[in-house]
C-alpha atoms as a PDB file:
ATOM      1  CA  MET A   1      92.042 -37.090  59.121  1.00  0.00           C
ATOM      2  CA  GLN A   2      95.046 -38.622  60.770  1.00  0.00           C
ATOM      3  CA  HIS A   3      97.049 -41.244  58.941  1.00  0.00           C
ATOM      4  CA  HIS A   4      98.867 -44.049  60.680  1.00  0.00           C
ATOM      5  CA  GLU A   5     101.075 -46.557  58.932  1.00  0.00           C
ATOM      6  CA  ARG A   6     100.592 -50.148  60.023  1.00  0.00           C
ATOM      7  CA  ALA A   7     102.165 -53.145  58.263  1.00  0.00           C
ATOM      8  CA  GLY A   8     102.767 -51.171  55.084  1.00  0.00           C
ATOM      9  CA  ARG A   9      99.199 -49.811  54.946  1.00  0.00           C
ATOM     10  CA  TYR A  10      97.757 -46.465  55.864  1.00  0.00           C
ATOM     11  CA  ILE A  11      94.742 -46.405  58.107  1.00  0.00           C
ATOM     12  CA  GLN A  12      92.617 -43.285  58.107  1.00  0.00           C
ATOM     13  CA  ARG A  13      91.108 -42.198  61.379  1.00  0.00           C
ATOM     14  CA  ALA A  14      88.716 -39.285  61.566  1.00  0.00           C
ATOM     15  CA  VAL A  15      89.538 -36.578  64.057  1.00  0.00           C
ATOM     16  CA  SER A  16      86.527 -34.865  65.567  1.00  0.00           C
ATOM     17  CA  LEU A  17      85.687 -32.328  68.216  1.00  0.00           C
ATOM     18  CA  ARG A  18      84.841 -35.221  70.532  1.00  0.00           C
ATOM     19  CA  GLY A  19      88.550 -35.949  70.928  1.00  0.00           C
ATOM     20  CA  ARG A  20      90.028 -32.518  70.328  1.00  0.00           C
ATOM     21  CA  THR A  21      88.945 -29.044  71.400  1.00  0.00           C
ATOM     22  CA  VAL A  22      89.833 -26.061  69.225  1.00  0.00           C
ATOM     23  CA  GLU A  23      91.541 -23.460  71.406  1.00  0.00           C
ATOM     24  CA  GLN A  24      92.490 -19.890  70.554  1.00  0.00           C
ATOM     25  CA  THR A  25      93.595 -16.995  72.770  1.00  0.00           C
ATOM     26  CA  ALA A  26      92.455 -13.389  72.550  1.00  0.00           C
ATOM     27  CA  THR A  27      93.930 -10.338  74.239  1.00  0.00           C
ATOM     28  CA  LEU A  28      91.200  -7.779  74.778  1.00  0.00           C
ATOM     29  CA  PRO A  29      91.797  -4.044  74.318  1.00  0.00           C
ATOM     30  CA  ASP A  30      91.813  -3.679  78.128  1.00  0.00           C
ATOM     31  CA  GLY A  31      94.612  -6.270  78.398  1.00  0.00           C
ATOM     32  CA  ARG A  32      92.557  -9.215  79.678  1.00  0.00           C
ATOM     33  CA  VAL A  33      93.375 -12.593  78.151  1.00  0.00           C
ATOM     34  CA  ILE A  34      90.443 -14.768  77.094  1.00  0.00           C
ATOM     35  CA  ASP A  35      90.701 -18.385  75.963  1.00  0.00           C
ATOM     36  CA  VAL A  36      88.156 -19.433  73.329  1.00  0.00           C
ATOM     37  CA  HIS A  37      87.320 -23.149  73.343  1.00  0.00           C
ATOM     38  CA  VAL A  38      85.136 -24.837  70.714  1.00  0.00           C
ATOM     39  CA  GLY A  39      84.358 -28.516  71.169  1.00  0.00           C
ATOM     40  CA  VAL A  40      82.127 -31.208  72.599  1.00  0.00           C
ATOM     41  CA  PRO A  41      81.616 -30.318  76.256  1.00  0.00           C
ATOM     42  CA  GLU A  42      82.354 -32.647  79.145  1.00  0.00           C
ATOM     43  CA  ASP A  43      79.272 -34.254  80.647  1.00  0.00           C
ATOM     44  CA  PRO A  44      79.569 -36.363  83.781  1.00  0.00           C
ATOM     45  CA  TYR A  45      76.573 -38.501  82.752  1.00  0.00           C
ATOM     46  CA  ILE A  46      77.022 -39.024  78.993  1.00  0.00           C
ATOM     47  CA  PRO A  47      80.186 -40.330  77.278  1.00  0.00           C
ATOM     48  CA  ARG A  48      81.667 -37.842  74.784  1.00  0.00           C
ATOM     49  CA  ALA A  49      81.304 -40.425  71.991  1.00  0.00           C
ATOM     50  CA  GLU A  50      77.533 -40.177  72.383  1.00  0.00           C
ATOM     51  CA  LEU A  51      77.302 -36.373  72.443  1.00  0.00           C
ATOM     52  CA  ASP A  52      76.488 -34.359  69.327  1.00  0.00           C
ATOM     53  CA  THR A  53      76.555 -30.932  70.985  1.00  0.00           C
ATOM     54  CA  VAL A  54      79.401 -28.538  70.191  1.00  0.00           C
ATOM     55  CA  ASP A  55      79.754 -25.463  72.356  1.00  0.00           C
ATOM     56  CA  VAL A  56      81.852 -22.311  72.586  1.00  0.00           C
ATOM     57  CA  GLU A  57      83.310 -21.380  75.951  1.00  0.00           C
ATOM     58  CA  LEU A  58      85.100 -18.188  76.863  1.00  0.00           C
ATOM     59  CA  ARG A  59      87.449 -18.621  79.825  1.00  0.00           C
ATOM     60  CA  ALA A  60      89.661 -16.288  81.804  1.00  0.00           C
ATOM     61  CA  GLY A  61      91.865 -17.296  84.700  1.00  0.00           C
ATOM     62  CA  GLY A  62      90.328 -20.769  84.852  1.00  0.00           C
ATOM     63  CA  ARG A  63      86.771 -19.380  85.083  1.00  0.00           C
ATOM     64  CA  VAL A  64      84.117 -19.864  82.425  1.00  0.00           C
ATOM     65  CA  LEU A  65      82.825 -16.418  81.464  1.00  0.00           C
ATOM     66  CA  ALA A  66      80.368 -17.573  78.807  1.00  0.00           C
ATOM     67  CA  ALA A  67      79.198 -20.804  77.193  1.00  0.00           C
ATOM     68  CA  VAL A  68      76.761 -21.284  74.319  1.00  0.00           C
ATOM     69  CA  ASN A  69      75.820 -24.202  72.085  1.00  0.00           C
ATOM     70  CA  THR A  70      76.653 -23.958  68.386  1.00  0.00           C
ATOM     71  CA  VAL A  71      75.021 -25.311  65.248  1.00  0.00           C
ATOM     72  CA  LEU A  72      78.221 -27.241  64.453  1.00  0.00           C
ATOM     73  CA  ASP A  73      78.464 -31.021  64.359  1.00  0.00           C
ATOM     74  CA  PRO A  74      81.373 -32.795  66.100  1.00  0.00           C
ATOM     75  CA  ASP A  75      83.003 -33.616  62.739  1.00  0.00           C
ATOM     76  CA  GLN A  76      83.185 -29.944  61.676  1.00  0.00           C
ATOM     77  CA  GLU A  77      86.666 -29.291  63.022  1.00  0.00           C
ATOM     78  CA  SER A  78      87.731 -26.775  60.361  1.00  0.00           C
ATOM     79  CA  GLU A  79      84.482 -24.846  60.842  1.00  0.00           C
ATOM     80  CA  ALA A  80      85.119 -24.829  64.604  1.00  0.00           C
ATOM     81  CA  LEU A  81      88.555 -23.335  64.003  1.00  0.00           C
ATOM     82  CA  GLU A  82      87.001 -20.710  61.720  1.00  0.00           C
ATOM     83  CA  LEU A  83      84.440 -19.851  64.430  1.00  0.00           C
ATOM     84  CA  ALA A  84      87.092 -19.592  67.147  1.00  0.00           C
ATOM     85  CA  ARG A  85      89.286 -17.357  64.987  1.00  0.00           C
ATOM     86  CA  GLU A  86      86.360 -15.078  64.131  1.00  0.00           C
ATOM     87  CA  ILE A  87      85.423 -14.687  67.806  1.00  0.00           C
ATOM     88  CA  VAL A  88      89.074 -13.985  68.719  1.00  0.00           C
ATOM     89  CA  ARG A  89      89.358 -11.285  66.012  1.00  0.00           C
ATOM     90  CA  LYS A  90      86.188  -9.573  67.208  1.00  0.00           C
ATOM     91  CA  LEU A  91      87.121  -9.803  70.893  1.00  0.00           C
ATOM     92  CA  GLU A  92      90.577  -8.346  70.187  1.00  0.00           C
ATOM     93  CA  SER A  93      89.134  -5.495  68.116  1.00  0.00           C
ATOM     94  CA  GLY A  94      86.619  -4.633  70.825  1.00  0.00           C
ATOM     95  CA  GLU A  95      83.633  -5.455  68.586  1.00  0.00           C
ATOM     96  CA  LEU A  96      82.523  -8.218  70.980  1.00  0.00           C
ATOM     97  CA  GLU A  97      82.257  -8.347  74.743  1.00  0.00           C
ATOM     98  CA  PRO A  98      83.171 -11.678  76.382  1.00  0.00           C
ATOM     99  CA  THR A  99      79.548 -12.577  77.116  1.00  0.00           C
ATOM    100  CA  ALA A 100      77.199 -15.349  76.008  1.00  0.00           C
ATOM    101  CA  GLY A 101      74.823 -12.835  74.446  1.00  0.00           C
ATOM    102  CA  ALA A 102      77.588 -11.329  72.330  1.00  0.00           C
ATOM    103  CA  ILE A 103      78.973 -14.622  70.955  1.00  0.00           C
ATOM    104  CA  GLU A 104      75.654 -16.424  70.473  1.00  0.00           C
ATOM    105  CA  PRO A 105      74.903 -14.993  66.979  1.00  0.00           C
ATOM    106  CA  TYR A 106      78.273 -16.310  65.755  1.00  0.00           C
ATOM    107  CA  ALA A 107      77.650 -19.735  67.316  1.00  0.00           C
ATOM    108  CA  ASP A 108      74.272 -19.904  65.547  1.00  0.00           C
ATOM    109  CA  GLU A 109      75.724 -19.112  62.101  1.00  0.00           C
ATOM    110  CA  LEU A 110      75.998 -21.981  59.608  1.00  0.00           C
ATOM    111  CA  ARG A 111      79.503 -22.386  58.234  1.00  0.00           C
END
């Protein structure tokens, strides 16, 4: 939640993955740098406010290496951060390859 003071009152505004993408960076054992993004994906036909899908994308050098849908809802920002951190840890340790097949079981796990 973000809090904004207006005329002596605090207004609470929910922050969700529709307006903010969780981003973490992993350095693989071979030295490659992978960006892990968890959030509501861009869709040229549907406004983000209407989307309920949260995905995980692995990117390197501006290219998407892998993308999978998660079981997360857009309001599960802390769970998205937990997912991103777990994927980063496993990528950095060499337990995971930067592929959709490797990250999909983590994206499908309830948190």
